[in-house]
Amino acid sequence: MDREWLTLGWKILVVRGALAVVFGILAIVWPLETAIALALLWGFWALVEGVGALVQAFQQRSGGNRWWLAGLGVVSLVVAFFAIFHPSTTAVALTWILGIWLIVRGLFELFAAFRSDLLTPRWLLVLSAVLSIVLGILFTANPGAAVVGIAVLLGVMALIWGAVFIAIGLVVRRALNNSGGTEAGPAVASA
């Protein structure tokens, strides 16, 4: 294995970890702003998706999918503009959708738990179903608080991932130093 690549690799891991830690702290300190930023990002993604679907709809090879692609493109553009110009409302709406999905998922899990041919213990499926339903009810009962909670959870996860990346980077660095590896400069050229 190329030592220069590994040397650069540990630095990239530490930088990625540090960026994740910074993002995690910002998401925890400003959860509402994080949720709005995520809704904006989703809006811009939907905008690109909508334009792409419309372009694809008007290509000759789209065939019978032309109307479906055009419809998807128009819906994506409407959603995109709403998300971009009303990101806080979009974040709350997405929380509602997530809550409803969790309730429906929980009901299906509950139904599946009482099927006769199960390989897993029934109580685990019932527990999973109840947790999904309760979380879904909490999300739909207070979507504003749920948006903030999701942003804080995202921040905590980013902190954990960041710490893991930093630790991995430092372990790789220590292994390189113990095996006599050398520090590579910013321009690593290897063949």
Protein backbone atom coordinates (compact mmCIF):
# COMPACT_ATOMS: atom_id res chain seq x y z
CA MET A 1 0.00 0.00 0.00
CA ASP A 2 1.27 3.46 -0.86
CA ARG A 3 2.39 5.31 2.30
CA GLU A 4 1.89 8.72 0.71
CA TRP A 5 -1.77 7.88 0.04
CA LEU A 6 -2.25 6.71 3.62
CA THR A 7 -0.63 9.86 4.97
CA LEU A 8 -2.99 12.01 2.94
CA GLY A 9 -5.86 9.65 3.92
CA TRP A 10 -5.49 10.20 7.65
CA LYS A 11 -5.47 13.97 7.14
CA ILE A 12 -8.65 13.80 5.08
CA LEU A 13 -10.31 11.63 7.74
CA VAL A 14 -9.42 14.13 10.47
CA VAL A 15 -10.65 17.08 8.37
CA ARG A 16 -13.91 15.25 7.57
CA GLY A 17 -14.32 14.47 11.24
CA ALA A 18 -13.64 18.05 12.30
CA LEU A 19 -16.16 19.35 9.75
CA ALA A 20 -18.75 16.88 11.01
CA VAL A 21 -18.13 17.99 14.61
CA VAL A 22 -18.54 21.65 13.61
CA PHE A 23 -21.75 20.82 11.71
CA GLY A 24 -23.03 18.82 14.70
CA ILE A 25 -22.38 21.69 17.11
CA LEU A 26 -24.08 24.18 14.78
CA ALA A 27 -27.08 21.87 14.33
CA ILE A 28 -27.46 21.48 18.09
CA VAL A 29 -26.99 25.19 18.83
CA TRP A 30 -29.28 26.35 15.98
CA PRO A 31 -31.71 23.46 15.32
CA LEU A 32 -34.44 25.59 13.73
CA GLU A 33 -31.99 27.21 11.34
CA THR A 34 -30.60 23.75 10.52
CA ALA A 35 -34.08 22.45 9.72
CA ILE A 36 -34.74 25.48 7.49
CA ALA A 37 -31.39 25.00 5.75
CA LEU A 38 -32.21 21.34 5.11
CA ALA A 39 -35.61 22.30 3.71
CA LEU A 40 -33.89 24.81 1.41
CA LEU A 41 -31.40 22.18 0.25
CA TRP A 42 -34.26 19.80 -0.42
CA GLY A 43 -36.02 22.57 -2.37
CA PHE A 44 -32.99 23.11 -4.60
CA TRP A 45 -32.68 19.37 -5.14
CA ALA A 46 -36.38 19.23 -6.14
CA LEU A 47 -35.76 22.15 -8.51
CA VAL A 48 -32.95 20.30 -10.27
CA GLU A 49 -35.05 17.12 -10.32
CA GLY A 50 -38.01 19.00 -11.83
CA VAL A 51 -35.96 20.66 -14.55
CA GLY A 52 -34.34 17.31 -15.35
CA ALA A 53 -37.71 15.56 -15.62
CA LEU A 54 -39.09 18.29 -17.90
CA VAL A 55 -36.04 18.15 -20.16
CA GLN A 56 -36.35 14.38 -20.29
CA ALA A 57 -40.08 14.64 -21.08
CA PHE A 58 -39.42 16.67 -24.20
CA GLN A 59 -36.75 14.40 -25.62
CA GLN A 60 -37.81 12.21 -28.50
CA ARG A 61 -36.81 8.95 -26.83
CA SER A 62 -39.08 9.52 -23.81
CA GLY A 63 -41.93 7.77 -25.69
CA GLY A 64 -45.04 6.99 -23.65
CA ASN A 65 -43.44 8.30 -20.46
CA ARG A 66 -43.62 11.89 -21.74
CA TRP A 67 -46.74 12.83 -19.74
CA TRP A 68 -45.56 11.15 -16.57
CA LEU A 69 -42.20 12.89 -16.78
CA ALA A 70 -43.85 16.24 -17.52
CA GLY A 71 -46.22 15.79 -14.57
CA LEU A 72 -43.34 14.82 -12.28
CA GLY A 73 -41.38 17.84 -13.50
CA VAL A 74 -44.22 20.28 -12.86
CA VAL A 75 -44.96 18.85 -9.39
CA SER A 76 -41.26 18.93 -8.52
CA LEU A 77 -40.99 22.57 -9.62
CA VAL A 78 -44.04 23.59 -7.57
CA VAL A 79 -42.69 21.80 -4.50
CA ALA A 80 -39.23 23.25 -5.10
CA PHE A 81 -40.44 26.84 -5.28
CA PHE A 82 -42.58 26.33 -2.17
CA ALA A 83 -39.63 24.83 -0.28
CA ILE A 84 -37.26 27.59 -1.40
CA PHE A 85 -39.61 30.49 -0.62
CA HIS A 86 -41.28 28.97 2.49
CA PRO A 87 -38.64 26.66 4.03
CA SER A 88 -40.02 26.72 7.59
CA THR A 89 -43.48 25.65 6.41
CA THR A 90 -41.84 22.98 4.26
CA ALA A 91 -39.86 21.63 7.23
CA VAL A 92 -43.07 21.35 9.25
CA ALA A 93 -44.89 19.70 6.32
CA LEU A 94 -42.08 17.17 5.90
CA THR A 95 -42.33 16.39 9.62
CA TRP A 96 -46.06 15.76 9.18
CA ILE A 97 -45.33 13.42 6.26
CA LEU A 98 -42.70 11.60 8.31
CA GLY A 99 -45.13 11.29 11.24
CA ILE A 100 -47.92 9.89 9.07
CA TRP A 101 -45.48 7.48 7.44
CA LEU A 102 -44.31 6.27 10.86
CA ILE A 103 -47.90 5.67 12.00
CA VAL A 104 -48.77 3.72 8.84
CA ARG A 105 -45.50 1.78 9.05
CA GLY A 106 -46.20 0.96 12.69
CA LEU A 107 -49.69 -0.30 11.86
CA PHE A 108 -48.29 -2.58 9.14
CA GLU A 109 -45.61 -3.83 11.53
CA LEU A 110 -48.27 -4.50 14.16
CA PHE A 111 -50.33 -6.46 11.64
CA ALA A 112 -47.24 -8.41 10.53
CA ALA A 113 -46.37 -9.22 14.15
CA PHE A 114 -49.48 -11.38 14.44
CA ARG A 115 -48.86 -13.47 11.35
CA SER A 116 -48.47 -17.13 12.20
CA ASP A 117 -45.12 -17.94 10.52
CA LEU A 118 -42.58 -15.66 12.18
CA LEU A 119 -38.87 -16.27 12.52
CA THR A 120 -38.38 -13.42 14.99
CA PRO A 121 -39.93 -13.11 18.43
CA ARG A 122 -43.36 -11.54 18.17
CA TRP A 123 -42.75 -9.12 21.03
CA LEU A 124 -39.84 -7.47 19.16
CA LEU A 125 -42.08 -6.73 16.18
CA VAL A 126 -44.83 -5.43 18.46
CA LEU A 127 -42.30 -3.23 20.26
CA SER A 128 -41.02 -1.86 16.94
CA ALA A 129 -44.57 -1.19 15.78
CA VAL A 130 -45.53 0.59 18.99
CA LEU A 131 -42.37 2.74 18.86
CA SER A 132 -43.12 3.72 15.25
CA ILE A 133 -46.72 4.60 16.08
CA VAL A 134 -45.80 6.60 19.19
CA LEU A 135 -43.06 8.50 17.35
CA GLY A 136 -45.44 9.16 14.46
CA ILE A 137 -48.09 10.50 16.84
CA LEU A 138 -45.51 12.75 18.53
CA PHE A 139 -44.38 14.09 15.14
CA THR A 140 -47.92 14.84 13.95
CA ALA A 141 -49.07 16.23 17.31
CA ASN A 142 -46.31 18.85 17.42
CA PRO A 143 -44.46 19.07 14.09
CA GLY A 144 -42.60 22.25 15.07
CA ALA A 145 -40.94 20.59 18.05
CA ALA A 146 -40.32 17.50 15.92
CA VAL A 147 -38.42 19.57 13.36
CA VAL A 148 -36.18 20.92 16.10
CA GLY A 149 -35.77 17.42 17.55
CA ILE A 150 -34.75 15.99 14.18
CA ALA A 151 -32.18 18.76 13.72
CA VAL A 152 -30.73 18.14 17.20
CA LEU A 153 -30.61 14.39 16.53
CA LEU A 154 -28.83 15.07 13.24
CA GLY A 155 -26.36 17.26 15.14
CA VAL A 156 -25.68 14.55 17.72
CA MET A 157 -25.17 11.97 14.97
CA ALA A 158 -22.77 14.33 13.17
CA LEU A 159 -20.80 14.80 16.40
CA ILE A 160 -20.50 11.03 16.85
CA TRP A 161 -19.50 10.46 13.21
CA GLY A 162 -17.01 13.30 13.43
CA ALA A 163 -15.40 11.86 16.55
CA VAL A 164 -15.19 8.44 14.88
CA PHE A 165 -13.56 9.89 11.74
CA ILE A 166 -11.05 11.83 13.83
CA ALA A 167 -10.23 8.72 15.86
CA ILE A 168 -9.76 6.61 12.73
CA GLY A 169 -7.55 9.28 11.19
CA LEU A 170 -5.38 9.46 14.29
CA VAL A 171 -5.11 5.66 14.47
CA VAL A 172 -3.94 5.57 10.82
CA ARG A 173 -1.44 8.36 11.59
CA ARG A 174 -0.10 6.48 14.62
CA ALA A 175 0.22 3.28 12.57
CA LEU A 176 2.15 5.16 9.90
CA ASN A 177 4.48 6.73 12.46
CA ASN A 178 5.09 3.37 14.14
CA SER A 179 5.92 1.70 10.82
CA GLY A 180 8.36 4.44 9.80
CA GLY A 181 5.97 6.25 7.43
CA THR A 182 6.80 9.79 6.43
CA GLU A 183 4.64 12.84 6.27
CA ALA A 184 3.60 13.75 2.76
CA GLY A 185 3.21 17.33 1.63
CA PRO A 186 0.02 18.77 0.22
CA ALA A 187 0.84 17.63 -3.31
CA VAL A 188 0.94 13.85 -3.27
CA ALA A 189 1.96 12.35 -6.58
CA SER A 190 2.08 8.59 -6.87
CA ALA A 191 1.72 6.15 -9.70
